[in-house]
Amino acid sequence: MVLFLVRLLLTTWAILAFRLVLGPKIAIAGVQPDLGAAFVFLLTLARGPTYGIIGGLVLGLLVDVDHPDALGLSSLAWCTLAYVTARASNAVDLGDRILAAGMLTVVVLLAESIRALALSGFQPATFLSIWVRWSLPTAVYTGIAVPILIACLRGVLGTRRWLDAGS
């Protein structure tokens, strides 16, 4: 359990550092992959909805610290992502990597849509503009980049599952 908590803290730190340092460098037209949402997705799959929701809440609050006007918005989006992931993972065989990447894309799109809806002030035209410009590209970029990143991490670390407490 201690090893798992150390990995969790290191991963959280790495996600926050990525968002500030590397994210802008790999951004395409200002859009970068959402590693926070991907982490909550993977945590939920590895540990279940309780860990995923708590992880989404804490990481979301840490991410939103630099946006006080939207404090809690990432937490809401990622807790919803964890809940939907947990519900859908029972009905889907996630052993297939392409299916898992597709599910990641869909749940990130859901989380980004929640964000877009709140940021738009529930104005349909503004929501659609944000959704087309940011939400959809972020979800697609995340769905493509994260499986590649996971494959690279597995190769470098020599592990099968990063979040598994038994490894």
Protein backbone atom coordinates (compact mmCIF):
# COMPACT_ATOMS: atom_id res chain seq x y z
CA MET A 1 0.00 0.00 0.00
CA VAL A 2 2.86 2.38 0.79
CA LEU A 3 4.44 1.71 -2.61
CA PHE A 4 1.08 2.44 -4.26
CA LEU A 5 0.76 5.77 -2.41
CA VAL A 6 4.29 6.77 -3.40
CA ARG A 7 3.48 5.98 -7.04
CA LEU A 8 0.25 7.94 -6.74
CA LEU A 9 2.05 11.02 -5.38
CA LEU A 10 4.80 10.80 -8.01
CA THR A 11 2.25 10.41 -10.79
CA THR A 12 0.24 13.38 -9.52
CA TRP A 13 3.39 15.50 -9.39
CA ALA A 14 4.36 14.37 -12.90
CA ILE A 15 0.92 15.26 -14.29
CA LEU A 16 1.05 18.74 -12.76
CA ALA A 17 4.61 19.28 -14.04
CA PHE A 18 3.61 18.04 -17.50
CA ARG A 19 0.70 20.49 -17.68
CA LEU A 20 2.99 23.42 -16.89
CA VAL A 21 6.23 22.49 -18.65
CA LEU A 22 5.80 19.94 -21.43
CA GLY A 23 2.13 20.36 -22.30
CA PRO A 24 2.52 23.71 -24.04
CA LYS A 25 5.47 22.37 -26.06
CA ILE A 26 3.47 19.46 -27.53
CA ALA A 27 0.25 21.43 -27.92
CA ILE A 28 -1.29 21.43 -31.37
CA ALA A 29 -3.10 24.70 -32.05
CA GLY A 30 -3.16 25.31 -28.29
CA VAL A 31 -4.69 21.88 -27.49
CA GLN A 32 -2.77 19.44 -25.33
CA PRO A 33 -3.64 15.94 -24.12
CA ASP A 34 -5.48 15.83 -20.80
CA LEU A 35 -3.24 13.62 -18.68
CA GLY A 36 -5.28 14.39 -15.58
CA ALA A 37 -8.40 12.88 -17.12
CA ALA A 38 -6.38 9.94 -18.45
CA PHE A 39 -4.94 9.35 -14.98
CA VAL A 40 -8.39 9.34 -13.39
CA PHE A 41 -9.55 6.92 -16.11
CA LEU A 42 -6.63 4.54 -15.49
CA LEU A 43 -6.90 4.84 -11.71
CA THR A 44 -10.60 3.96 -11.90
CA LEU A 45 -9.87 0.92 -14.06
CA ALA A 46 -7.03 -0.24 -11.81
CA ARG A 47 -8.57 0.46 -8.39
CA GLY A 48 -12.28 1.03 -8.84
CA PRO A 49 -14.66 3.96 -8.63
CA THR A 50 -13.80 5.04 -5.07
CA TYR A 51 -10.14 5.61 -5.89
CA GLY A 52 -11.04 7.18 -9.22
CA ILE A 53 -13.51 9.64 -7.72
CA ILE A 54 -11.18 10.61 -4.87
CA GLY A 55 -8.29 10.93 -7.34
CA GLY A 56 -10.44 13.07 -9.65
CA LEU A 57 -11.50 15.30 -6.78
CA VAL A 58 -7.99 15.90 -5.42
CA LEU A 59 -6.21 16.21 -8.77
CA GLY A 60 -8.99 18.44 -10.11
CA LEU A 61 -8.64 20.84 -7.20
CA LEU A 62 -4.85 20.93 -7.64
CA VAL A 63 -5.22 21.66 -11.36
CA ASP A 64 -7.81 24.39 -10.77
CA VAL A 65 -5.68 26.29 -8.25
CA ASP A 66 -4.41 28.57 -11.02
CA HIS A 67 -7.99 29.25 -12.21
CA PRO A 68 -9.85 30.42 -9.08
CA ASP A 69 -12.91 31.44 -11.11
CA ALA A 70 -13.38 27.80 -12.18
CA LEU A 71 -12.25 26.14 -8.92
CA GLY A 72 -13.82 22.70 -8.67
CA LEU A 73 -14.79 22.44 -12.33
CA SER A 74 -12.05 19.90 -13.14
CA SER A 75 -12.99 17.96 -10.02
CA LEU A 76 -16.61 17.78 -11.12
CA ALA A 77 -15.64 16.72 -14.64
CA TRP A 78 -13.14 14.08 -13.49
CA CYS A 79 -15.37 12.64 -10.75
CA THR A 80 -18.07 12.22 -13.39
CA LEU A 81 -15.48 10.64 -15.69
CA ALA A 82 -14.53 8.15 -12.94
CA TYR A 83 -18.16 7.24 -12.28
CA VAL A 84 -18.95 6.69 -15.98
CA THR A 85 -15.72 4.75 -16.47
CA ALA A 86 -16.55 2.44 -13.58
CA ARG A 87 -20.10 1.85 -14.85
CA ALA A 88 -19.05 1.28 -18.45
CA SER A 89 -15.98 -0.85 -17.73
CA ASN A 90 -18.19 -3.68 -16.48
CA ALA A 91 -19.92 -3.89 -19.86
CA VAL A 92 -16.84 -3.47 -22.08
CA ASP A 93 -13.82 -5.76 -22.52
CA LEU A 94 -10.94 -3.35 -22.00
CA GLY A 95 -8.33 -5.99 -22.79
CA ASP A 96 -8.47 -4.70 -26.36
CA ARG A 97 -6.21 -1.63 -26.46
CA ILE A 98 -8.09 0.00 -29.31
CA LEU A 99 -11.38 -0.36 -27.44
CA ALA A 100 -9.75 1.02 -24.28
CA ALA A 101 -8.38 4.02 -26.22
CA GLY A 102 -11.85 4.58 -27.70
CA MET A 103 -13.44 4.47 -24.27
CA LEU A 104 -10.80 6.90 -22.98
CA THR A 105 -11.65 9.28 -25.81
CA VAL A 106 -15.38 9.08 -25.06
CA VAL A 107 -15.08 9.68 -21.31
CA VAL A 108 -12.59 12.53 -21.81
CA LEU A 109 -15.06 14.06 -24.28
CA LEU A 110 -17.75 13.77 -21.60
CA ALA A 111 -15.52 15.48 -19.02
CA GLU A 112 -14.53 18.20 -21.46
CA SER A 113 -18.19 18.72 -22.40
CA ILE A 114 -19.05 19.28 -18.73
CA ARG A 115 -16.29 21.85 -18.56
CA ALA A 116 -17.42 23.54 -21.78
CA LEU A 117 -21.02 23.69 -20.56
CA ALA A 118 -20.03 25.37 -17.30
CA LEU A 119 -17.55 27.76 -18.96
CA SER A 120 -20.13 28.77 -21.58
CA GLY A 121 -22.57 29.90 -18.93
CA PHE A 122 -25.09 27.46 -20.45
CA GLN A 123 -25.26 29.53 -23.64
CA PRO A 124 -25.72 27.11 -26.60
CA ALA A 125 -23.69 29.10 -29.16
CA THR A 126 -20.80 29.64 -26.75
CA PHE A 127 -20.93 25.99 -25.66
CA LEU A 128 -20.76 24.80 -29.27
CA SER A 129 -17.83 27.10 -29.98
CA ILE A 130 -15.87 25.87 -26.95
CA TRP A 131 -16.81 22.26 -27.64
CA VAL A 132 -15.63 22.33 -31.26
CA ARG A 133 -12.47 24.36 -30.53
CA TRP A 134 -11.32 22.70 -27.28
CA SER A 135 -13.36 19.73 -26.05
CA LEU A 136 -13.39 17.54 -29.14
CA PRO A 137 -9.71 18.10 -30.08
CA THR A 138 -8.60 17.52 -26.47
CA ALA A 139 -10.49 14.22 -26.29
CA VAL A 140 -9.11 12.98 -29.60
CA TYR A 141 -5.54 14.08 -28.78
CA THR A 142 -5.78 12.38 -25.37
CA GLY A 143 -7.16 9.18 -26.90
CA ILE A 144 -4.22 9.01 -29.30
CA ALA A 145 -1.35 10.29 -27.13
CA VAL A 146 -2.04 8.46 -23.85
CA PRO A 147 -1.88 4.87 -25.21
CA ILE A 148 1.44 5.77 -26.88
CA LEU A 149 2.72 7.29 -23.62
CA ILE A 150 1.64 4.20 -21.67
CA ALA A 151 3.45 1.91 -24.12
CA CYS A 152 6.59 4.04 -23.75
CA LEU A 153 6.36 4.03 -19.94
CA ARG A 154 5.93 0.26 -19.87
CA GLY A 155 9.02 -0.12 -22.04
CA VAL A 156 11.13 2.23 -19.95
CA LEU A 157 9.91 1.03 -16.54
CA GLY A 158 9.66 -2.63 -17.47
CA THR A 159 6.29 -2.98 -15.77
CA ARG A 160 2.98 -4.25 -16.99
CA ARG A 161 0.71 -1.98 -14.92
CA TRP A 162 1.86 1.33 -13.44
CA LEU A 163 -0.91 1.58 -10.84
CA ASP A 164 -0.94 -2.06 -9.70
CA ALA A 165 -0.12 -2.29 -6.00
CA GLY A 166 1.34 -5.77 -6.43
CA SER A 167 4.04 -4.78 -8.89
